[in-house]
N, C-alpha and C. Protein backbone atom coordinates (compact mmCIF):
# COMPACT_ATOMS: atom_id res chain seq x y z
N MET A 1 -12.28 4.59 -7.68
CA MET A 1 -12.63 4.26 -6.41
C MET A 1 -11.44 5.36 -5.43
N LYS A 2 -11.75 5.30 -4.64
CA LYS A 2 -10.95 6.03 -3.40
C LYS A 2 -10.65 4.87 -2.35
N LEU A 3 -9.24 5.19 -1.72
CA LEU A 3 -8.60 5.02 -1.16
C LEU A 3 -9.12 3.96 0.38
N ASN A 4 -9.95 4.47 0.49
CA ASN A 4 -10.96 4.42 1.72
C ASN A 4 -11.73 3.49 1.39
N ASP A 5 -12.83 3.20 0.51
CA ASP A 5 -12.97 1.93 0.03
C ASP A 5 -12.56 1.12 -0.66
N ALA A 6 -11.75 1.40 -1.48
CA ALA A 6 -10.96 0.08 -1.40
C ALA A 6 -10.17 -0.64 -0.33
N LEU A 7 -10.00 0.60 0.77
CA LEU A 7 -9.98 -0.86 2.15
C LEU A 7 -11.05 -1.03 2.35
N ASP A 8 -11.71 -1.23 2.31
CA ASP A 8 -12.34 -1.10 3.21
C ASP A 8 -13.02 -2.68 2.64
N ALA A 9 -12.49 -2.97 1.30
CA ALA A 9 -12.80 -4.33 0.63
C ALA A 9 -12.00 -5.46 0.68
N CYS A 10 -10.51 -4.49 0.56
CA CYS A 10 -9.95 -5.36 0.67
C CYS A 10 -8.95 -4.49 1.77
N GLY A 11 -8.36 -5.20 2.38
CA GLY A 11 -6.71 -4.10 2.69
C GLY A 11 -5.83 -4.15 2.83
N ILE A 12 -5.90 -5.12 1.63
CA ILE A 12 -4.45 -5.86 1.54
C ILE A 12 -3.67 -4.34 -0.03
N ILE A 13 -2.65 -4.23 0.16
CA ILE A 13 -1.72 -3.46 -0.82
C ILE A 13 -0.34 -3.76 -2.08
N ALA A 14 -1.30 -4.42 -3.25
CA ALA A 14 0.40 -5.40 -3.28
C ALA A 14 1.20 -4.37 -3.74
N ILE A 15 2.41 -4.60 -3.62
CA ILE A 15 3.64 -4.62 -3.45
C ILE A 15 4.38 -5.28 -4.87
N LEU A 16 4.11 -4.45 -5.59
CA LEU A 16 4.94 -4.84 -7.55
C LEU A 16 7.00 -4.37 -7.74
N ARG A 17 6.71 -4.63 -7.12
CA ARG A 17 8.32 -4.53 -6.94
C ARG A 17 8.85 -5.05 -8.44
N GLY A 18 9.78 -4.50 -8.69
CA GLY A 18 10.48 -5.08 -9.96
C GLY A 18 9.79 -5.46 -11.38
N VAL A 19 7.92 -5.87 -10.99
CA VAL A 19 7.13 -5.45 -12.63
C VAL A 19 7.58 -4.36 -13.63
N THR A 20 8.07 -5.13 -14.11
CA THR A 20 8.00 -4.58 -15.83
C THR A 20 6.61 -4.33 -15.85
N PRO A 21 6.49 -2.73 -17.61
CA PRO A 21 5.16 -2.97 -18.16
C PRO A 21 4.72 -3.55 -19.00
N ALA A 22 6.17 -4.76 -19.55
CA ALA A 22 5.77 -5.61 -20.13
C ALA A 22 3.82 -6.56 -19.66
N GLU A 23 4.02 -7.52 -18.34
CA GLU A 23 3.68 -8.17 -17.72
C GLU A 23 2.44 -7.19 -16.72
N VAL A 24 2.46 -6.24 -16.38
CA VAL A 24 1.97 -5.51 -15.99
C VAL A 24 0.23 -5.33 -15.71
N LEU A 25 -0.27 -5.27 -16.63
CA LEU A 25 -1.17 -5.50 -16.82
C LEU A 25 -1.69 -7.86 -16.34
N ASP A 26 -1.91 -7.96 -16.68
CA ASP A 26 -1.51 -9.68 -16.68
C ASP A 26 -1.51 -9.29 -14.35
N VAL A 27 -0.59 -9.79 -14.04
CA VAL A 27 -0.35 -8.92 -12.65
C VAL A 27 -1.83 -8.40 -11.46
N GLY A 28 -1.77 -7.66 -12.72
CA GLY A 28 -2.97 -6.73 -12.22
C GLY A 28 -4.51 -7.60 -12.13
N THR A 29 -4.47 -7.67 -13.57
CA THR A 29 -5.66 -8.63 -13.75
C THR A 29 -5.49 -9.47 -12.60
N THR A 30 -4.89 -10.13 -12.27
CA THR A 30 -4.95 -12.02 -11.48
C THR A 30 -5.05 -11.24 -9.96
N LEU A 31 -4.04 -10.18 -10.04
CA LEU A 31 -4.47 -9.08 -8.57
C LEU A 31 -6.48 -9.67 -7.87
N TYR A 32 -7.13 -8.16 -8.99
CA TYR A 32 -8.07 -7.82 -9.26
C TYR A 32 -8.58 -9.33 -9.18
N GLU A 33 -8.87 -9.95 -9.96
CA GLU A 33 -9.58 -11.68 -9.37
C GLU A 33 -9.96 -11.96 -8.46
N ALA A 34 -8.65 -12.13 -7.77
CA ALA A 34 -8.17 -12.54 -6.55
C ALA A 34 -9.19 -12.13 -5.28
N GLY A 35 -9.07 -11.24 -6.16
CA GLY A 35 -9.40 -10.22 -4.97
C GLY A 35 -9.37 -8.65 -4.50
N ILE A 36 -7.91 -8.04 -5.02
CA ILE A 36 -7.20 -7.47 -4.43
C ILE A 36 -7.74 -5.68 -5.44
N ARG A 37 -7.74 -4.74 -4.08
CA ARG A 37 -8.42 -3.67 -5.10
C ARG A 37 -7.40 -1.94 -4.42
N ILE A 38 -6.27 -2.69 -4.38
CA ILE A 38 -5.20 -1.72 -4.17
C ILE A 38 -3.46 -2.29 -4.38
N VAL A 39 -2.66 -1.51 -5.41
CA VAL A 39 -1.85 -2.03 -6.15
C VAL A 39 -0.67 -0.70 -6.16
N GLU A 40 -0.26 -1.37 -5.99
CA GLU A 40 1.33 0.07 -5.79
C GLU A 40 2.39 -0.91 -5.80
N VAL A 41 3.31 0.03 -7.57
CA VAL A 41 4.43 0.04 -8.24
C VAL A 41 6.06 1.15 -7.96
N PRO A 42 6.91 -0.50 -6.57
CA PRO A 42 7.67 1.16 -6.68
C PRO A 42 8.21 1.31 -7.15
N LEU A 43 8.86 2.76 -6.67
CA LEU A 43 9.45 3.75 -8.36
C LEU A 43 11.31 2.94 -8.95
N ASN A 44 11.63 2.13 -7.12
CA ASN A 44 12.94 0.94 -8.30
C ASN A 44 12.46 0.10 -8.87
N SER A 45 11.50 0.20 -10.03
CA SER A 45 11.11 -0.70 -10.32
C SER A 45 10.92 -0.30 -11.96
N PRO A 46 11.12 -1.57 -13.46
CA PRO A 46 11.45 -1.03 -14.35
C PRO A 46 10.69 0.04 -14.85
N GLU A 47 10.56 1.13 -15.80
CA GLU A 47 9.99 2.34 -15.72
C GLU A 47 8.21 2.10 -15.47
N PRO A 48 8.68 2.41 -13.75
CA PRO A 48 7.72 2.18 -12.97
C PRO A 48 6.31 3.63 -13.43
N PHE A 49 6.56 3.98 -13.57
CA PHE A 49 5.70 5.15 -14.40
C PHE A 49 4.50 4.56 -15.52
N VAL A 50 5.35 4.23 -16.37
CA VAL A 50 4.42 3.22 -17.45
C VAL A 50 3.78 2.27 -17.34
N SER A 51 4.34 1.88 -15.71
CA SER A 51 3.05 0.25 -15.58
C SER A 51 2.45 0.62 -14.88
N ILE A 52 2.47 2.00 -13.56
CA ILE A 52 2.02 2.86 -13.31
C ILE A 52 0.53 3.18 -14.32
N GLU A 53 0.44 3.80 -14.62
CA GLU A 53 -0.52 4.51 -16.43
C GLU A 53 -0.65 3.69 -16.35
N LYS A 54 -0.30 2.46 -17.35
CA LYS A 54 -0.45 1.47 -18.23
C LYS A 54 -2.12 0.75 -16.54
N LEU A 55 -1.83 0.06 -15.18
CA LEU A 55 -3.43 -0.10 -14.93
C LEU A 55 -3.80 1.44 -14.65
N ALA A 56 -3.57 2.26 -13.99
CA ALA A 56 -4.30 3.32 -13.71
C ALA A 56 -5.83 3.19 -15.06
N LYS A 57 -4.76 3.05 -16.66
CA LYS A 57 -5.66 3.09 -17.48
C LYS A 57 -6.51 2.69 -17.26
N ALA A 58 -5.95 1.13 -17.32
CA ALA A 58 -6.94 0.23 -17.63
C ALA A 58 -7.97 -0.74 -16.37
N PHE A 59 -8.04 -0.11 -15.05
CA PHE A 59 -8.52 -0.49 -14.10
C PHE A 59 -9.22 0.80 -13.03
N ALA A 60 -9.31 1.94 -14.34
CA ALA A 60 -9.77 3.15 -13.69
C ALA A 60 -11.37 2.83 -12.91
N GLY A 61 -11.54 3.35 -11.76
CA GLY A 61 -12.89 3.32 -10.81
C GLY A 61 -13.27 1.79 -10.44
N LYS A 62 -12.42 0.92 -10.60
CA LYS A 62 -12.02 -0.51 -9.88
C LYS A 62 -10.74 -0.85 -8.94
N MET A 63 -9.67 -0.33 -9.33
CA MET A 63 -8.38 -0.18 -8.52
C MET A 63 -8.08 1.00 -8.31
N VAL A 64 -7.74 1.47 -6.91
CA VAL A 64 -6.33 1.97 -6.17
C VAL A 64 -5.22 1.67 -7.35
N VAL A 65 -4.48 2.66 -7.74
CA VAL A 65 -3.02 2.72 -8.31
C VAL A 65 -1.95 3.99 -7.69
N GLY A 66 -1.00 3.50 -6.82
CA GLY A 66 -0.04 4.10 -7.11
C GLY A 66 1.66 4.09 -6.97
N ALA A 67 2.15 4.70 -6.29
CA ALA A 67 3.73 3.81 -6.69
C ALA A 67 3.72 3.96 -5.25
N GLY A 68 5.08 3.49 -5.04
CA GLY A 68 5.63 3.56 -3.53
C GLY A 68 7.09 3.28 -4.28
N THR A 69 8.05 2.88 -2.87
CA THR A 69 9.43 4.03 -2.50
C THR A 69 9.18 5.44 -3.33
N VAL A 70 8.36 6.42 -3.04
CA VAL A 70 8.64 7.76 -3.42
C VAL A 70 9.66 8.59 -2.54
N LEU A 71 10.44 9.47 -2.56
CA LEU A 71 11.49 9.91 -2.02
C LEU A 71 11.52 11.62 -1.79
N THR A 72 11.15 12.05 -3.57
CA THR A 72 11.24 13.00 -3.71
C THR A 72 10.11 14.05 -4.19
N GLU A 73 9.23 15.04 -3.80
CA GLU A 73 8.40 16.31 -4.56
C GLU A 73 8.04 15.51 -5.96
N SER A 74 9.66 16.30 -7.22
CA SER A 74 9.98 15.21 -8.54
C SER A 74 8.73 13.79 -8.81
N ASP A 75 8.84 12.99 -7.36
CA ASP A 75 8.18 11.76 -7.08
C ASP A 75 7.19 11.66 -7.64
N VAL A 76 6.31 12.33 -6.64
CA VAL A 76 5.08 13.23 -6.07
C VAL A 76 4.62 13.59 -7.12
N GLU A 77 5.07 14.36 -8.09
CA GLU A 77 4.57 14.98 -10.11
C GLU A 77 4.56 14.97 -10.22
N LYS A 78 5.52 13.42 -11.16
CA LYS A 78 4.97 12.57 -11.88
C LYS A 78 4.32 11.22 -11.82
N LEU A 79 4.41 11.15 -10.79
CA LEU A 79 2.86 10.16 -10.48
C LEU A 79 1.60 10.84 -10.28
N LYS A 80 1.15 12.01 -10.13
CA LYS A 80 -0.11 12.57 -10.58
C LYS A 80 -0.08 12.02 -12.00
N ALA A 81 0.71 12.64 -12.53
CA ALA A 81 1.16 12.76 -14.46
C ALA A 81 0.13 11.41 -14.67
N SER A 82 1.15 10.51 -13.98
CA SER A 82 0.99 9.23 -14.96
C SER A 82 -0.59 8.85 -14.54
N GLY A 83 -1.45 9.61 -14.07
CA GLY A 83 -2.48 9.47 -13.33
C GLY A 83 -2.30 8.07 -11.80
N GLY A 84 -1.27 7.48 -10.67
CA GLY A 84 -2.03 7.13 -10.14
C GLY A 84 -2.49 8.06 -8.44
N THR A 85 -2.84 7.80 -7.49
CA THR A 85 -3.32 7.87 -6.81
C THR A 85 -3.31 7.96 -5.24
N ILE A 86 -1.74 6.75 -4.80
CA ILE A 86 -1.37 6.93 -4.05
C ILE A 86 -0.39 6.82 -4.03
N SER A 87 1.00 7.66 -3.01
CA SER A 87 1.62 8.17 -2.60
C SER A 87 3.12 7.55 -1.82
N VAL A 88 3.42 5.91 -1.36
CA VAL A 88 4.12 4.65 -0.80
C VAL A 88 5.04 6.42 0.16
N SER A 89 5.78 5.64 1.00
CA SER A 89 6.73 6.15 0.73
C SER A 89 7.41 5.45 2.46
N PRO A 90 8.89 4.87 2.47
CA PRO A 90 9.51 4.42 3.15
C PRO A 90 10.46 5.52 4.76
N ASP A 91 9.25 6.10 4.40
CA ASP A 91 10.25 7.30 5.14
C ASP A 91 8.80 8.68 5.59
N CYS A 92 9.52 9.02 6.07
CA CYS A 92 8.92 10.17 6.53
C CYS A 92 8.63 11.34 5.55
N ASN A 93 8.75 12.17 5.39
CA ASN A 93 8.71 13.26 4.63
C ASN A 93 7.84 14.31 4.61
N PRO A 94 8.00 15.66 5.11
CA PRO A 94 7.35 16.60 5.50
C PRO A 94 6.35 17.31 4.35
N ALA A 95 7.79 17.35 3.44
CA ALA A 95 7.38 17.85 2.21
C ALA A 95 6.08 16.89 0.85
N THR A 96 7.22 16.02 1.14
CA THR A 96 6.37 15.17 -0.22
C THR A 96 5.43 14.93 0.08
N ILE A 97 4.79 14.34 1.31
CA ILE A 97 3.16 14.25 2.35
C ILE A 97 2.98 15.81 1.62
N ALA A 98 3.53 17.22 2.08
CA ALA A 98 1.89 18.18 1.40
C ALA A 98 2.24 18.44 0.41
N ARG A 99 2.61 17.72 -0.17
CA ARG A 99 3.18 18.30 -2.39
C ARG A 99 2.27 16.92 -2.18
N ALA A 100 2.45 15.96 -2.13
CA ALA A 100 0.93 14.98 -2.83
C ALA A 100 -0.36 15.06 -1.97
N VAL A 101 -0.08 15.48 -0.74
CA VAL A 101 -1.85 16.42 -0.75
C VAL A 101 -2.18 17.13 -0.91
N ALA A 102 -1.02 18.51 -1.76
CA ALA A 102 -1.82 19.33 -2.62
C ALA A 102 -2.49 19.34 -3.77
N LEU A 103 -1.97 17.84 -4.15
CA LEU A 103 -1.81 17.41 -5.97
C LEU A 103 -3.18 16.87 -5.38
N GLY A 104 -3.76 16.66 -4.05
CA GLY A 104 -4.68 15.78 -3.98
C GLY A 104 -5.00 14.07 -4.16
N LEU A 105 -3.26 13.85 -3.84
CA LEU A 105 -3.28 12.10 -3.47
C LEU A 105 -3.03 11.91 -2.24
N ASN A 106 -3.14 10.49 -2.24
CA ASN A 106 -2.52 10.63 -0.56
C ASN A 106 -1.78 9.91 -0.37
N PRO A 107 -1.28 10.58 0.99
CA PRO A 107 0.58 9.93 0.91
C PRO A 107 0.48 8.62 2.57
N LEU A 108 1.03 7.80 1.47
CA LEU A 108 1.14 6.44 2.54
C LEU A 108 2.76 6.38 3.39
N PRO A 109 2.61 7.65 4.23
CA PRO A 109 4.55 7.35 4.76
C PRO A 109 5.07 6.11 5.76
N GLY A 110 6.39 6.03 5.50
CA GLY A 110 6.79 5.02 6.18
C GLY A 110 6.54 5.46 7.35
N VAL A 111 6.52 5.36 8.89
CA VAL A 111 6.76 5.04 10.30
C VAL A 111 6.80 4.74 11.18
N PHE A 112 8.06 4.56 12.07
CA PHE A 112 7.91 3.23 12.70
C PHE A 112 7.92 3.92 14.71
N THR A 113 7.67 5.30 14.64
CA THR A 113 7.72 5.80 16.46
C THR A 113 6.93 6.91 16.41
N PRO A 114 6.22 6.23 16.93
CA PRO A 114 5.28 8.06 17.72
C PRO A 114 5.03 9.29 17.25
N THR A 115 6.20 10.14 17.53
CA THR A 115 7.48 11.02 16.67
C THR A 115 7.18 11.59 14.76
N GLU A 116 7.90 10.07 14.81
CA GLU A 116 6.82 10.34 13.37
C GLU A 116 5.28 10.20 12.78
N ALA A 117 5.15 9.51 13.59
CA ALA A 117 3.25 9.04 13.18
C ALA A 117 2.58 11.04 12.85
N PHE A 118 3.23 11.11 14.33
CA PHE A 118 2.86 12.88 13.96
C PHE A 118 2.97 13.58 13.48
N ALA A 119 4.35 13.56 13.78
CA ALA A 119 5.36 14.33 12.17
C ALA A 119 4.83 14.05 10.77
N ALA A 120 4.13 12.78 10.76
CA ALA A 120 3.21 12.08 9.43
C ALA A 120 1.37 13.12 9.37
N ILE A 121 1.26 13.17 10.76
CA ILE A 121 0.19 13.51 10.67
C ILE A 121 -0.66 14.85 10.29
N ARG A 122 0.77 15.79 11.12
CA ARG A 122 0.43 17.42 10.77
C ARG A 122 1.52 17.51 9.55
N ALA A 123 2.26 16.97 8.55
CA ALA A 123 2.18 17.03 6.95
C ALA A 123 0.88 17.07 6.48
N GLY A 124 -0.12 16.19 6.98
CA GLY A 124 -1.01 16.19 5.86
C GLY A 124 -1.80 14.92 6.16
N ALA A 125 -0.99 13.77 6.53
CA ALA A 125 -1.08 11.81 5.98
C ALA A 125 -1.98 11.72 7.52
N SER A 126 -2.49 11.18 6.54
CA SER A 126 -4.00 10.36 7.57
C SER A 126 -3.99 8.52 7.11
N GLN A 127 -2.68 8.55 6.49
CA GLN A 127 -2.38 7.01 6.48
C GLN A 127 -0.97 6.76 6.41
N LEU A 128 -1.47 5.76 7.31
CA LEU A 128 0.53 5.83 8.17
C LEU A 128 0.90 4.56 7.72
N LYS A 129 2.29 4.06 7.50
CA LYS A 129 2.62 2.59 7.21
C LYS A 129 3.53 2.83 8.06
N LEU A 130 3.35 1.43 8.66
CA LEU A 130 4.20 0.93 10.15
C LEU A 130 5.14 0.25 9.34
N PHE A 131 6.33 0.89 9.03
CA PHE A 131 7.61 0.42 8.17
C PHE A 131 8.99 -0.28 9.01
N PRO A 132 9.15 -0.94 9.30
CA PRO A 132 8.96 -2.39 8.79
C PRO A 132 8.25 -3.37 9.97
N ALA A 133 7.11 -4.15 9.55
CA ALA A 133 6.47 -3.93 10.28
C ALA A 133 7.37 -5.59 10.93
N GLU A 134 7.70 -5.82 10.55
CA GLU A 134 8.57 -7.08 10.60
C GLU A 134 9.41 -7.27 12.45
N VAL A 135 9.92 -6.35 12.44
CA VAL A 135 10.67 -5.73 13.60
C VAL A 135 9.45 -5.41 14.64
N ALA A 136 8.45 -4.66 14.75
CA ALA A 136 7.30 -4.42 15.40
C ALA A 136 6.72 -5.08 16.43
N SER A 137 5.14 -4.59 16.34
CA SER A 137 4.46 -5.81 16.94
C SER A 137 3.40 -5.83 16.77
N PRO A 138 1.90 -5.92 16.35
CA PRO A 138 0.73 -5.26 16.66
C PRO A 138 0.06 -4.92 17.89
N GLN A 139 0.65 -5.59 18.49
CA GLN A 139 1.05 -4.55 19.58
C GLN A 139 1.50 -2.85 19.79
N THR A 140 2.91 -2.62 19.01
CA THR A 140 2.93 -1.18 18.09
C THR A 140 1.82 -0.62 18.22
N ILE A 141 0.97 -1.01 16.85
CA ILE A 141 -0.16 -0.38 16.73
C ILE A 141 -0.79 -0.95 17.72
N LYS A 142 -1.82 -1.16 17.97
CA LYS A 142 -2.34 -0.77 19.75
C LYS A 142 -2.09 0.05 20.55
N ALA A 143 -0.55 0.05 20.92
CA ALA A 143 -0.36 1.27 21.61
C ALA A 143 -0.38 2.56 20.89
N TRP A 144 -0.22 2.87 19.61
CA TRP A 144 -0.33 4.14 19.03
C TRP A 144 -2.28 4.77 18.32
N LYS A 145 -3.32 3.53 18.51
CA LYS A 145 -3.84 3.69 18.45
C LYS A 145 -5.02 3.90 19.81
N ALA A 146 -4.33 4.44 19.82
CA ALA A 146 -4.73 4.37 22.22
C ALA A 146 -4.48 6.51 22.07
N VAL A 147 -3.40 6.97 21.04
CA VAL A 147 -3.07 8.38 20.86
C VAL A 147 -3.57 8.65 19.98
N LEU A 148 -3.76 7.97 18.94
CA LEU A 148 -3.84 9.12 17.52
C LEU A 148 -4.79 9.52 17.22
N PRO A 149 -5.10 10.22 16.42
CA PRO A 149 -6.97 10.90 15.79
C PRO A 149 -7.84 9.25 15.41
N LYS A 150 -8.50 9.45 15.59
CA LYS A 150 -9.83 8.35 15.59
C LYS A 150 -9.80 8.28 13.50
N HIS A 151 -9.44 9.06 13.41
CA HIS A 151 -9.74 8.95 11.86
C HIS A 151 -8.36 8.53 10.53
N VAL A 152 -7.25 8.78 11.19
CA VAL A 152 -6.38 8.12 10.99
C VAL A 152 -6.22 6.98 10.21
N LYS A 153 -5.32 5.60 9.76
CA LYS A 153 -5.45 4.64 9.55
C LYS A 153 -3.86 4.17 9.70
N VAL A 154 -3.66 2.72 10.47
CA VAL A 154 -2.10 1.92 10.16
C VAL A 154 -2.12 0.97 9.14
N HIS A 155 -1.27 1.12 8.16
CA HIS A 155 -1.06 -0.49 7.99
C HIS A 155 0.33 -0.66 8.32
N ALA A 156 0.00 -2.24 8.07
CA ALA A 156 1.21 -2.94 8.88
C ALA A 156 2.13 -3.51 7.20
N VAL A 157 3.59 -2.80 7.08
CA VAL A 157 4.30 -2.82 5.57
C VAL A 157 5.50 -4.76 5.92
N GLY A 158 5.35 -5.50 5.77
CA GLY A 158 6.59 -5.91 6.00
C GLY A 158 6.44 -8.00 7.28
N GLY A 159 6.10 -8.15 6.80
CA GLY A 159 6.72 -9.72 7.39
C GLY A 159 5.03 -10.29 8.72
N VAL A 160 4.42 -9.52 7.15
CA VAL A 160 2.68 -9.72 7.59
C VAL A 160 1.91 -11.32 6.87
N THR A 161 1.54 -12.26 7.41
CA THR A 161 1.28 -13.73 6.39
C THR A 161 -0.37 -14.07 6.66
N PRO A 162 -0.90 -14.91 5.92
CA PRO A 162 -2.40 -15.24 6.69
C PRO A 162 -2.54 -15.55 7.13
N ALA A 163 -1.70 -15.87 8.18
CA ALA A 163 -1.12 -16.95 8.92
C ALA A 163 -1.10 -15.75 10.63
N ASN A 164 -1.22 -14.27 9.74
CA ASN A 164 -0.38 -13.70 11.12
C ASN A 164 -1.56 -12.17 11.40
N MET A 165 -2.36 -12.24 9.73
CA MET A 165 -2.54 -11.15 9.66
C MET A 165 -3.74 -11.22 11.05
N ALA A 166 -5.26 -12.04 11.25
CA ALA A 166 -5.76 -11.62 11.92
C ALA A 166 -5.31 -10.70 13.53
N ASP A 167 -3.85 -10.87 14.19
CA ASP A 167 -3.37 -10.51 14.85
C ASP A 167 -3.64 -9.01 14.76
N TRP A 168 -3.09 -8.49 13.82
CA TRP A 168 -2.64 -7.16 13.48
C TRP A 168 -4.03 -6.70 12.83
N ILE A 169 -4.32 -7.24 12.50
CA ILE A 169 -6.21 -6.87 12.80
C ILE A 169 -7.11 -6.02 14.12
N LYS A 170 -6.85 -7.36 14.47
CA LYS A 170 -7.19 -7.32 16.40
C LYS A 170 -6.64 -6.55 17.44
N ALA A 171 -4.91 -5.43 16.80
CA ALA A 171 -5.02 -4.83 17.57
C ALA A 171 -5.25 -3.25 16.51
N GLY A 172 -6.07 -3.10 15.57
CA GLY A 172 -6.23 -2.36 15.05
C GLY A 172 -5.62 -1.67 13.75
N ALA A 173 -4.77 -2.88 13.06
CA ALA A 173 -4.50 -2.37 11.57
C ALA A 173 -5.57 -2.39 10.29
N SER A 174 -5.45 -1.61 9.64
CA SER A 174 -6.78 -1.22 8.65
C SER A 174 -6.18 -2.56 7.05
N GLY A 175 -4.73 -1.78 7.19
CA GLY A 175 -4.70 -2.37 6.12
C GLY A 175 -3.50 -3.42 6.11
N PHE A 176 -2.29 -3.65 4.92
CA PHE A 176 -1.79 -4.60 4.86
C PHE A 176 -0.03 -4.32 3.90
N GLY A 177 0.87 -3.82 3.51
CA GLY A 177 1.43 -4.19 2.59
C GLY A 177 2.58 -4.82 2.01
N ILE A 178 2.01 -5.78 1.20
CA ILE A 178 2.48 -7.59 0.93
C ILE A 178 3.62 -6.79 -0.28
N GLY A 179 4.40 -7.31 -0.44
CA GLY A 179 5.37 -7.98 -0.84
C GLY A 179 5.92 -9.55 -1.79
N SER A 180 7.38 -9.39 -1.44
CA SER A 180 7.42 -9.93 -2.20
C SER A 180 7.54 -11.75 -2.01
N SER A 181 6.35 -11.53 -1.04
CA SER A 181 5.63 -13.46 -0.72
C SER A 181 4.19 -13.41 -1.76
N LEU A 182 3.92 -11.85 -2.32
CA LEU A 182 2.86 -11.50 -3.22
C LEU A 182 3.56 -11.46 -4.84
N TYR A 183 4.31 -11.32 -4.90
CA TYR A 183 4.80 -10.91 -6.30
C TYR A 183 6.13 -10.53 -6.32
N LYS A 184 7.53 -10.90 -6.62
CA LYS A 184 8.52 -10.78 -7.37
C LYS A 184 9.13 -11.15 -8.92
N PRO A 185 9.64 -10.20 -8.89
CA PRO A 185 10.37 -10.91 -10.23
C PRO A 185 10.80 -11.72 -11.05
N ARG A 186 10.18 -12.49 -11.96
CA ARG A 186 9.59 -13.63 -12.66
C ARG A 186 8.60 -14.38 -11.37
N ALA A 187 8.49 -13.71 -10.98
CA ALA A 187 7.04 -15.27 -10.34
C ALA A 187 5.43 -15.25 -12.13
N THR A 188 5.66 -16.90 -11.21
CA THR A 188 4.54 -16.56 -12.40
C THR A 188 2.77 -16.45 -12.03
N LEU A 189 2.02 -16.48 -12.86
CA LEU A 189 0.35 -15.21 -12.81
C LEU A 189 -0.17 -16.40 -11.91
N GLU A 190 0.54 -17.81 -11.68
CA GLU A 190 -0.42 -19.00 -10.56
C GLU A 190 0.67 -19.02 -9.45
N HIS A 191 1.35 -18.47 -8.80
CA HIS A 191 2.18 -18.23 -8.00
C HIS A 191 1.37 -16.88 -7.40
N VAL A 192 1.36 -15.80 -7.83
CA VAL A 192 0.35 -14.80 -8.21
C VAL A 192 -0.91 -14.37 -7.21
N ALA A 193 -1.64 -15.15 -8.08
CA ALA A 193 -3.00 -16.12 -8.08
C ALA A 193 -2.99 -17.00 -6.63
N LYS A 194 -2.61 -18.46 -5.98
CA LYS A 194 -2.52 -18.65 -5.22
C LYS A 194 -2.35 -17.40 -3.73
N SER A 195 -1.04 -17.05 -3.77
CA SER A 195 -1.14 -15.98 -3.14
C SER A 195 -1.87 -15.41 -2.76
N ALA A 196 -2.37 -14.78 -3.61
CA ALA A 196 -3.22 -13.68 -3.61
C ALA A 196 -4.69 -13.98 -2.76
N GLY A 197 -5.10 -15.31 -3.01
CA GLY A 197 -5.78 -15.84 -2.50
C GLY A 197 -5.93 -16.14 -1.31
N GLU A 198 -5.06 -16.64 -1.12
CA GLU A 198 -4.61 -17.16 0.82
C GLU A 198 -5.07 -15.90 1.03
N LEU A 199 -4.15 -14.57 1.19
CA LEU A 199 -4.33 -13.46 1.70
C LEU A 199 -5.92 -12.57 1.72
N VAL A 200 -6.34 -12.85 0.32
CA VAL A 200 -7.78 -12.69 0.75
C VAL A 200 -9.33 -12.95 1.55
N ALA A 201 -8.60 -14.67 1.57
CA ALA A 201 -9.18 -15.42 2.50
C ALA A 201 -8.88 -14.80 3.50
N ALA A 202 -7.50 -14.74 3.95
CA ALA A 202 -7.19 -14.71 5.49
C ALA A 202 -7.86 -13.49 5.74
N TRP A 203 -8.17 -12.61 5.33
CA TRP A 203 -8.40 -11.05 5.07
C TRP A 203 -9.78 -11.34 5.28
N GLN A 204 -10.99 -11.52 5.21
CA GLN A 204 -11.97 -12.25 5.29
C GLN A 204 -12.51 -12.95 6.06
N LYS A 205 -12.06 -13.25 6.42
CA LYS A 205 -12.09 -14.60 7.92
C LYS A 205 -12.10 -13.53 9.26
N ALA A 206 -11.11 -12.60 8.83
CA ALA A 206 -10.08 -12.16 10.42
C ALA A 206 -11.78 -11.26 10.50
N LYS A 207 -12.10 -10.33 9.26
CA LYS A 207 -12.66 -9.78 9.29
C LYS A 207 -14.66 -9.90 10.34
N VAL A 208 -15.00 -10.37 9.38
CA VAL A 208 -16.34 -11.27 10.10
C VAL A 208 -15.90 -11.12 11.75
């Protein structure tokens, strides 16, 4: 499954920070059944590349899987080897972005200013992560969209809820990274299912 196809189906990127290889398939299945089609495993999770490989194999062609907190070119290379396809970072590192593009991966660098956004685009990114979005606003994305190339998509990460998702979409957000409100260590599958269902329902309602 291509990233843009997954975003069209549901623009929610599930951030599974702290997930373990032992639980990752159960969590992934719960998310998939709720309608989520993109998952990232942050690299500060236990054995992250093991979890990524498990998800990539189990959901091949059905879900986009990648890594979060990608900080180095070595991280990108390990991600490629594990079968992941998206490289999500908290920062804008041109070398890491370029390496992801060279390996056929989709980089999603973290940016907070127009300068960082254009630096990421020049390095090869076509998907940007506004982070931390909770200290920005939907108006930030609206202003950026007036000057960014039309093909570039901006995702809000941090502070997005079912209650405010429609405002972000109206401003031009293409997707959302959702972390602790969706999954955190020791979260039950029932909690994950409930939170995912509420987020997917908000996405679908806002996109009508």
